[in-house]
């Protein structure tokens, strides 16, 4: 379950003020919905990706047999 700000609130906030967990969560959601996004939704997804890239590696961990390789954003 996601606990954080809703997308309508975040769209009124500069993307550089979004928390990393919010960026990761909405990137995941946009990726799942990519075939159904409008041009505006696709544009927001690109902004999320660029902001994540500008912040550098998340966690820096490659994972292992005892833990996930992807960050947990929930």
N, C-alpha and C. Protein backbone atom coordinates (compact mmCIF):
# COMPACT_ATOMS: atom_id res chain seq x y z
N UNK A 1 0.83 -1.17 0.00
CA UNK A 1 0.00 0.00 0.00
C UNK A 1 0.88 1.24 0.00
N UNK A 2 0.53 2.21 -0.83
CA UNK A 2 1.28 3.46 -0.94
C UNK A 2 0.78 4.44 0.12
N UNK A 3 1.72 5.01 0.86
CA UNK A 3 1.39 6.04 1.82
C UNK A 3 2.20 7.27 1.42
N UNK A 4 1.53 8.26 0.92
CA UNK A 4 2.21 9.46 0.47
C UNK A 4 1.24 10.42 -0.16
N UNK A 5 1.78 11.44 -0.78
CA UNK A 5 0.93 12.46 -1.41
C UNK A 5 0.31 11.93 -2.69
N UNK A 6 -0.91 12.37 -2.94
CA UNK A 6 -1.63 11.98 -4.15
C UNK A 6 -1.05 12.74 -5.35
N UNK A 7 -1.26 12.20 -6.54
CA UNK A 7 -0.70 12.79 -7.75
C UNK A 7 -1.25 14.19 -8.01
N UNK A 8 -2.52 14.44 -7.69
CA UNK A 8 -3.06 15.78 -7.93
C UNK A 8 -2.37 16.84 -7.07
N UNK A 9 -1.95 16.47 -5.86
CA UNK A 9 -1.19 17.40 -5.02
C UNK A 9 0.23 17.57 -5.56
N UNK A 10 0.83 16.47 -6.01
CA UNK A 10 2.21 16.52 -6.49
C UNK A 10 2.34 17.31 -7.78
N UNK A 11 1.32 17.29 -8.63
CA UNK A 11 1.41 18.04 -9.89
C UNK A 11 1.43 19.55 -9.63
N UNK A 12 0.99 19.95 -8.45
CA UNK A 12 1.04 21.37 -8.08
C UNK A 12 2.36 21.72 -7.38
N UNK A 13 3.22 20.72 -7.21
CA UNK A 13 4.51 20.89 -6.54
C UNK A 13 5.63 20.68 -7.56
N UNK A 14 6.65 21.51 -7.48
CA UNK A 14 7.80 21.34 -8.38
C UNK A 14 8.38 19.94 -8.20
N UNK A 15 8.72 19.30 -9.31
CA UNK A 15 9.16 17.90 -9.27
C UNK A 15 10.46 17.73 -8.47
N UNK A 16 11.26 18.78 -8.37
CA UNK A 16 12.49 18.66 -7.58
C UNK A 16 12.20 18.66 -6.07
N UNK A 17 10.95 18.91 -5.68
CA UNK A 17 10.56 18.88 -4.28
C UNK A 17 9.83 17.58 -3.92
N UNK A 18 9.68 16.69 -4.90
CA UNK A 18 9.08 15.38 -4.63
C UNK A 18 10.07 14.54 -3.84
N UNK A 19 9.58 13.70 -2.99
CA UNK A 19 10.45 12.76 -2.27
C UNK A 19 10.84 11.63 -3.21
N UNK A 20 11.97 11.02 -2.95
CA UNK A 20 12.44 9.91 -3.80
C UNK A 20 11.43 8.77 -3.82
N UNK A 21 10.80 8.48 -2.69
CA UNK A 21 9.81 7.40 -2.65
C UNK A 21 8.62 7.71 -3.54
N UNK A 22 8.24 8.98 -3.63
CA UNK A 22 7.14 9.37 -4.50
C UNK A 22 7.53 9.21 -5.96
N UNK A 23 8.74 9.63 -6.29
CA UNK A 23 9.23 9.47 -7.66
C UNK A 23 9.26 8.00 -8.06
N UNK A 24 9.76 7.15 -7.17
CA UNK A 24 9.85 5.72 -7.47
C UNK A 24 8.47 5.10 -7.63
N UNK A 25 7.56 5.46 -6.75
CA UNK A 25 6.21 4.90 -6.81
C UNK A 25 5.52 5.29 -8.12
N UNK A 26 5.52 6.59 -8.43
CA UNK A 26 4.81 7.02 -9.64
C UNK A 26 5.52 6.58 -10.91
N UNK A 27 6.83 6.44 -10.87
CA UNK A 27 7.53 5.87 -12.03
C UNK A 27 7.03 4.44 -12.28
N UNK A 28 6.90 3.67 -11.22
CA UNK A 28 6.40 2.30 -11.34
C UNK A 28 4.97 2.30 -11.91
N UNK A 29 4.12 3.15 -11.39
CA UNK A 29 2.73 3.22 -11.86
C UNK A 29 2.68 3.65 -13.32
N UNK A 30 3.42 4.70 -13.67
CA UNK A 30 3.43 5.16 -15.07
C UNK A 30 3.96 4.08 -16.01
N UNK A 31 4.95 3.33 -15.55
CA UNK A 31 5.50 2.25 -16.38
C UNK A 31 4.44 1.18 -16.66
N UNK A 32 3.65 0.87 -15.65
CA UNK A 32 2.60 -0.13 -15.81
C UNK A 32 1.48 0.37 -16.73
N UNK A 33 1.22 1.67 -16.71
CA UNK A 33 0.12 2.25 -17.48
C UNK A 33 0.58 2.89 -18.79
N UNK A 34 1.83 2.74 -19.15
CA UNK A 34 2.40 3.43 -20.32
C UNK A 34 1.55 3.35 -21.58
N UNK A 35 0.99 2.18 -21.94
CA UNK A 35 0.19 2.14 -23.16
C UNK A 35 -1.08 2.98 -23.11
N UNK A 36 -1.50 3.36 -21.92
CA UNK A 36 -2.77 4.07 -21.76
C UNK A 36 -2.60 5.55 -21.42
N UNK A 37 -1.36 6.01 -21.27
CA UNK A 37 -1.13 7.40 -20.90
C UNK A 37 -1.39 8.35 -22.05
N UNK A 38 -1.95 9.50 -21.73
CA UNK A 38 -2.10 10.58 -22.72
C UNK A 38 -0.72 11.23 -22.92
N UNK A 39 -0.66 12.18 -23.81
CA UNK A 39 0.59 12.90 -24.04
C UNK A 39 1.04 13.61 -22.77
N UNK A 40 0.09 14.15 -22.02
CA UNK A 40 0.42 14.84 -20.77
C UNK A 40 0.97 13.86 -19.74
N UNK A 41 0.37 12.68 -19.64
CA UNK A 41 0.84 11.66 -18.70
C UNK A 41 2.23 11.16 -19.08
N UNK A 42 2.45 10.95 -20.38
CA UNK A 42 3.76 10.50 -20.85
C UNK A 42 4.82 11.56 -20.58
N UNK A 43 4.46 12.82 -20.75
CA UNK A 43 5.39 13.91 -20.47
C UNK A 43 5.76 13.95 -18.99
N UNK A 44 4.79 13.75 -18.12
CA UNK A 44 5.06 13.73 -16.69
C UNK A 44 5.95 12.54 -16.33
N UNK A 45 5.73 11.41 -16.98
CA UNK A 45 6.56 10.23 -16.74
C UNK A 45 8.02 10.52 -17.11
N UNK A 46 8.24 11.17 -18.23
CA UNK A 46 9.59 11.54 -18.64
C UNK A 46 10.23 12.46 -17.62
N UNK A 47 9.47 13.42 -17.08
CA UNK A 47 10.01 14.31 -16.05
C UNK A 47 10.39 13.54 -14.80
N UNK A 48 9.58 12.56 -14.42
CA UNK A 48 9.88 11.73 -13.26
C UNK A 48 11.18 10.95 -13.49
N UNK A 49 11.32 10.37 -14.67
CA UNK A 49 12.53 9.61 -15.00
C UNK A 49 13.76 10.52 -14.95
N UNK A 50 13.67 11.70 -15.55
CA UNK A 50 14.81 12.63 -15.55
C UNK A 50 15.18 13.07 -14.14
N UNK A 51 14.18 13.29 -13.30
CA UNK A 51 14.46 13.70 -11.92
C UNK A 51 15.13 12.56 -11.16
N UNK A 52 14.66 11.34 -11.35
CA UNK A 52 15.31 10.19 -10.71
C UNK A 52 16.75 10.04 -11.16
N UNK A 53 16.98 10.20 -12.46
CA UNK A 53 18.35 10.10 -12.99
C UNK A 53 19.24 11.21 -12.43
N UNK A 54 18.69 12.41 -12.27
CA UNK A 54 19.51 13.52 -11.76
C UNK A 54 19.89 13.34 -10.30
N UNK A 55 19.11 12.56 -9.57
CA UNK A 55 19.40 12.33 -8.15
C UNK A 55 20.42 11.22 -7.94
N UNK A 56 20.75 10.49 -8.99
CA UNK A 56 21.76 9.45 -8.88
C UNK A 56 21.18 8.13 -8.43
N UNK A 57 22.05 7.16 -8.17
CA UNK A 57 21.58 5.82 -7.79
C UNK A 57 20.75 5.84 -6.51
N UNK A 58 19.74 5.02 -6.51
CA UNK A 58 18.88 4.89 -5.33
C UNK A 58 19.32 3.65 -4.58
N UNK A 59 19.82 3.84 -3.39
CA UNK A 59 20.23 2.71 -2.57
C UNK A 59 21.62 2.20 -2.89
N UNK A 60 21.96 2.11 -4.16
CA UNK A 60 23.28 1.64 -4.55
C UNK A 60 23.52 0.17 -4.32
N UNK A 61 22.49 -0.57 -3.97
CA UNK A 61 22.64 -1.99 -3.66
C UNK A 61 22.19 -2.82 -4.85
N UNK A 62 22.96 -3.81 -5.20
CA UNK A 62 22.62 -4.69 -6.32
C UNK A 62 21.77 -5.87 -5.90
N UNK A 63 21.54 -6.04 -4.62
CA UNK A 63 20.72 -7.16 -4.15
C UNK A 63 21.57 -8.39 -3.88
N UNK A 64 20.92 -9.40 -3.38
CA UNK A 64 21.60 -10.64 -3.06
C UNK A 64 20.57 -11.72 -2.78
N UNK A 65 21.03 -12.85 -2.36
CA UNK A 65 20.12 -13.96 -2.13
C UNK A 65 19.14 -13.68 -0.98
N UNK A 66 19.53 -12.77 -0.08
CA UNK A 66 18.71 -12.52 1.10
C UNK A 66 17.95 -11.19 1.08
N UNK A 67 18.06 -10.42 0.00
CA UNK A 67 17.31 -9.17 -0.08
C UNK A 67 17.11 -8.74 -1.54
N UNK A 68 16.15 -7.86 -1.71
CA UNK A 68 15.72 -7.42 -3.04
C UNK A 68 16.77 -6.54 -3.71
N UNK A 69 16.80 -6.58 -5.03
CA UNK A 69 17.69 -5.70 -5.78
C UNK A 69 17.01 -4.40 -6.13
N UNK A 70 15.69 -4.35 -6.00
CA UNK A 70 14.97 -3.11 -6.29
C UNK A 70 14.59 -2.42 -4.99
N UNK A 71 14.63 -1.10 -5.00
CA UNK A 71 14.30 -0.37 -3.77
C UNK A 71 12.82 -0.56 -3.41
N UNK A 72 12.56 -0.56 -2.13
CA UNK A 72 11.19 -0.66 -1.66
C UNK A 72 10.74 0.76 -1.35
N UNK A 73 9.75 1.25 -2.06
CA UNK A 73 9.32 2.63 -1.93
C UNK A 73 8.03 2.78 -1.15
N UNK A 74 7.51 1.71 -0.61
CA UNK A 74 6.25 1.78 0.11
C UNK A 74 6.46 1.88 1.59
